[in-house]
Amino acid sequence: MFMNCFRQASNAVINALANVAANIQGSLELMNLLTSILELFIQLGLKAKDASDKSTKNALKVNNYLN
């Protein structure tokens, strides 16, 4: 059930991007769209890395406190 929610979100995103791509006029618009999408994915990756690092630090603090 948990994964189905992601599949539905993925399909919604794919459909939205397909609709946007179908209405793009010219290569400049396409490059602007692709650049924006790339920037968003980079931001998502950096935020995920920060969250992972913070989680690891907190787990180490708890582990050190318990020992």
N, C-alpha and C. Protein backbone atom coordinates (compact mmCIF):
# COMPACT_ATOMS: atom_id res chain seq x y z
N MET A 1 0.83 -1.20 0.00
CA MET A 1 0.00 0.00 0.00
C MET A 1 0.87 1.26 0.00
N PHE A 2 1.95 1.25 0.79
CA PHE A 2 2.84 2.40 0.87
C PHE A 2 3.47 2.70 -0.49
N MET A 3 3.90 1.65 -1.20
CA MET A 3 4.54 1.85 -2.50
C MET A 3 3.52 2.29 -3.56
N ASN A 4 2.27 1.84 -3.44
CA ASN A 4 1.25 2.25 -4.40
C ASN A 4 1.08 3.76 -4.41
N CYS A 5 1.20 4.38 -3.25
CA CYS A 5 1.07 5.82 -3.15
C CYS A 5 2.17 6.51 -3.95
N PHE A 6 3.39 5.94 -3.92
CA PHE A 6 4.48 6.52 -4.70
C PHE A 6 4.28 6.28 -6.19
N ARG A 7 3.76 5.13 -6.55
CA ARG A 7 3.51 4.85 -7.97
C ARG A 7 2.50 5.84 -8.53
N GLN A 8 1.45 6.11 -7.74
CA GLN A 8 0.44 7.06 -8.20
C GLN A 8 1.03 8.45 -8.32
N ALA A 9 1.87 8.83 -7.37
CA ALA A 9 2.52 10.14 -7.44
C ALA A 9 3.43 10.20 -8.65
N SER A 10 4.17 9.13 -8.90
CA SER A 10 5.07 9.10 -10.04
C SER A 10 4.30 9.23 -11.34
N ASN A 11 3.19 8.50 -11.45
CA ASN A 11 2.37 8.59 -12.66
C ASN A 11 1.81 10.00 -12.84
N ALA A 12 1.40 10.62 -11.75
CA ALA A 12 0.87 11.98 -11.84
C ALA A 12 1.95 12.95 -12.31
N VAL A 13 3.16 12.78 -11.80
CA VAL A 13 4.27 13.66 -12.20
C VAL A 13 4.61 13.42 -13.67
N ILE A 14 4.66 12.16 -14.07
CA ILE A 14 4.97 11.84 -15.47
C ILE A 14 3.91 12.43 -16.39
N ASN A 15 2.64 12.29 -16.02
CA ASN A 15 1.56 12.86 -16.85
C ASN A 15 1.66 14.38 -16.92
N ALA A 16 1.96 15.01 -15.79
CA ALA A 16 2.07 16.47 -15.79
C ALA A 16 3.22 16.92 -16.68
N LEU A 17 4.37 16.25 -16.57
CA LEU A 17 5.51 16.62 -17.40
C LEU A 17 5.24 16.35 -18.88
N ALA A 18 4.52 15.28 -19.17
CA ALA A 18 4.16 14.99 -20.57
C ALA A 18 3.27 16.08 -21.12
N ASN A 19 2.32 16.56 -20.32
CA ASN A 19 1.44 17.65 -20.76
C ASN A 19 2.23 18.94 -20.99
N VAL A 20 3.15 19.23 -20.10
CA VAL A 20 3.98 20.43 -20.26
C VAL A 20 4.83 20.29 -21.52
N ALA A 21 5.46 19.13 -21.69
CA ALA A 21 6.33 18.92 -22.85
C ALA A 21 5.55 19.02 -24.16
N ALA A 22 4.32 18.56 -24.16
CA ALA A 22 3.50 18.61 -25.38
C ALA A 22 3.19 20.04 -25.80
N ASN A 23 3.22 20.96 -24.84
CA ASN A 23 2.89 22.36 -25.14
C ASN A 23 4.10 23.27 -25.28
N ILE A 24 5.29 22.72 -25.22
CA ILE A 24 6.49 23.54 -25.34
C ILE A 24 6.68 23.96 -26.80
N GLN A 25 6.97 25.24 -26.96
CA GLN A 25 7.18 25.79 -28.30
C GLN A 25 8.64 26.23 -28.42
N GLY A 26 9.45 25.46 -29.10
CA GLY A 26 10.82 25.88 -29.35
C GLY A 26 11.83 25.31 -28.37
N SER A 27 13.07 25.31 -28.81
CA SER A 27 14.14 24.69 -28.02
C SER A 27 14.53 25.54 -26.81
N LEU A 28 14.36 26.85 -26.87
CA LEU A 28 14.71 27.70 -25.73
C LEU A 28 13.79 27.38 -24.54
N GLU A 29 12.49 27.25 -24.79
CA GLU A 29 11.56 26.87 -23.74
C GLU A 29 11.89 25.50 -23.18
N LEU A 30 12.26 24.57 -24.06
CA LEU A 30 12.62 23.23 -23.63
C LEU A 30 13.85 23.27 -22.73
N MET A 31 14.86 24.03 -23.12
CA MET A 31 16.08 24.13 -22.30
C MET A 31 15.78 24.77 -20.95
N ASN A 32 14.93 25.79 -20.94
CA ASN A 32 14.55 26.42 -19.67
C ASN A 32 13.83 25.44 -18.75
N LEU A 33 12.91 24.65 -19.32
CA LEU A 33 12.20 23.65 -18.54
C LEU A 33 13.15 22.60 -17.99
N LEU A 34 14.02 22.08 -18.84
CA LEU A 34 14.95 21.04 -18.40
C LEU A 34 15.91 21.57 -17.33
N THR A 35 16.34 22.81 -17.47
CA THR A 35 17.22 23.42 -16.47
C THR A 35 16.50 23.56 -15.14
N SER A 36 15.25 23.98 -15.17
CA SER A 36 14.47 24.12 -13.93
C SER A 36 14.26 22.77 -13.25
N ILE A 37 13.95 21.76 -14.04
CA ILE A 37 13.74 20.42 -13.48
C ILE A 37 15.04 19.90 -12.88
N LEU A 38 16.15 20.11 -13.56
CA LEU A 38 17.45 19.67 -13.04
C LEU A 38 17.76 20.38 -11.72
N GLU A 39 17.51 21.66 -11.65
CA GLU A 39 17.74 22.42 -10.41
C GLU A 39 16.90 21.86 -9.26
N LEU A 40 15.64 21.51 -9.55
CA LEU A 40 14.77 20.95 -8.51
C LEU A 40 15.30 19.61 -8.02
N PHE A 41 15.74 18.74 -8.94
CA PHE A 41 16.28 17.45 -8.53
C PHE A 41 17.56 17.61 -7.72
N ILE A 42 18.38 18.57 -8.06
CA ILE A 42 19.59 18.82 -7.28
C ILE A 42 19.22 19.28 -5.87
N GLN A 43 18.26 20.20 -5.76
CA GLN A 43 17.82 20.66 -4.45
C GLN A 43 17.25 19.52 -3.62
N LEU A 44 16.45 18.66 -4.25
CA LEU A 44 15.90 17.50 -3.54
C LEU A 44 17.01 16.58 -3.04
N GLY A 45 18.00 16.35 -3.89
CA GLY A 45 19.12 15.50 -3.50
C GLY A 45 19.90 16.08 -2.34
N LEU A 46 20.14 17.38 -2.37
CA LEU A 46 20.88 18.02 -1.29
C LEU A 46 20.10 17.99 0.02
N LYS A 47 18.79 18.22 -0.07
CA LYS A 47 17.97 18.18 1.15
C LYS A 47 17.91 16.76 1.71
N ALA A 48 17.83 15.77 0.85
CA ALA A 48 17.83 14.38 1.30
C ALA A 48 19.15 14.03 1.97
N LYS A 49 20.26 14.50 1.40
CA LYS A 49 21.58 14.25 1.98
C LYS A 49 21.68 14.91 3.35
N ASP A 50 21.23 16.15 3.46
CA ASP A 50 21.26 16.86 4.75
C ASP A 50 20.42 16.12 5.80
N ALA A 51 19.24 15.66 5.41
CA ALA A 51 18.37 14.94 6.34
C ALA A 51 19.03 13.63 6.77
N SER A 52 19.66 12.96 5.84
CA SER A 52 20.34 11.70 6.16
C SER A 52 21.51 11.95 7.10
N ASP A 53 22.29 12.98 6.83
CA ASP A 53 23.43 13.32 7.69
C ASP A 53 22.96 13.67 9.10
N LYS A 54 21.89 14.45 9.18
CA LYS A 54 21.36 14.86 10.49
C LYS A 54 20.86 13.63 11.25
N SER A 55 20.18 12.75 10.55
CA SER A 55 19.67 11.53 11.17
C SER A 55 20.81 10.66 11.69
N THR A 56 21.88 10.54 10.91
CA THR A 56 23.03 9.75 11.33
C THR A 56 23.69 10.37 12.56
N LYS A 57 23.85 11.68 12.57
CA LYS A 57 24.45 12.36 13.71
C LYS A 57 23.62 12.14 14.97
N ASN A 58 22.29 12.26 14.84
CA ASN A 58 21.42 12.07 15.99
C ASN A 58 21.48 10.63 16.50
N ALA A 59 21.56 9.68 15.60
CA ALA A 59 21.66 8.28 16.01
C ALA A 59 22.98 8.04 16.74
N LEU A 60 24.05 8.65 16.26
CA LEU A 60 25.35 8.49 16.94
C LEU A 60 25.32 9.13 18.32
N LYS A 61 24.67 10.28 18.45
CA LYS A 61 24.57 10.94 19.76
C LYS A 61 23.81 10.05 20.74
N VAL A 62 22.70 9.48 20.29
CA VAL A 62 21.91 8.60 21.15
C VAL A 62 22.74 7.39 21.55
N ASN A 63 23.42 6.81 20.58
CA ASN A 63 24.24 5.64 20.84
C ASN A 63 25.34 5.97 21.84
N ASN A 64 26.00 7.09 21.70
CA ASN A 64 27.05 7.50 22.63
C ASN A 64 26.47 7.76 24.02
N TYR A 65 25.28 8.33 24.09
CA TYR A 65 24.64 8.63 25.36
C TYR A 65 24.30 7.34 26.11
N LEU A 66 23.85 6.33 25.34
CA LEU A 66 23.45 5.06 25.97
C LEU A 66 24.64 4.22 26.41
N ASN A 67 25.78 4.44 25.80
CA ASN A 67 26.96 3.63 26.16
C ASN A 67 27.75 4.27 27.24
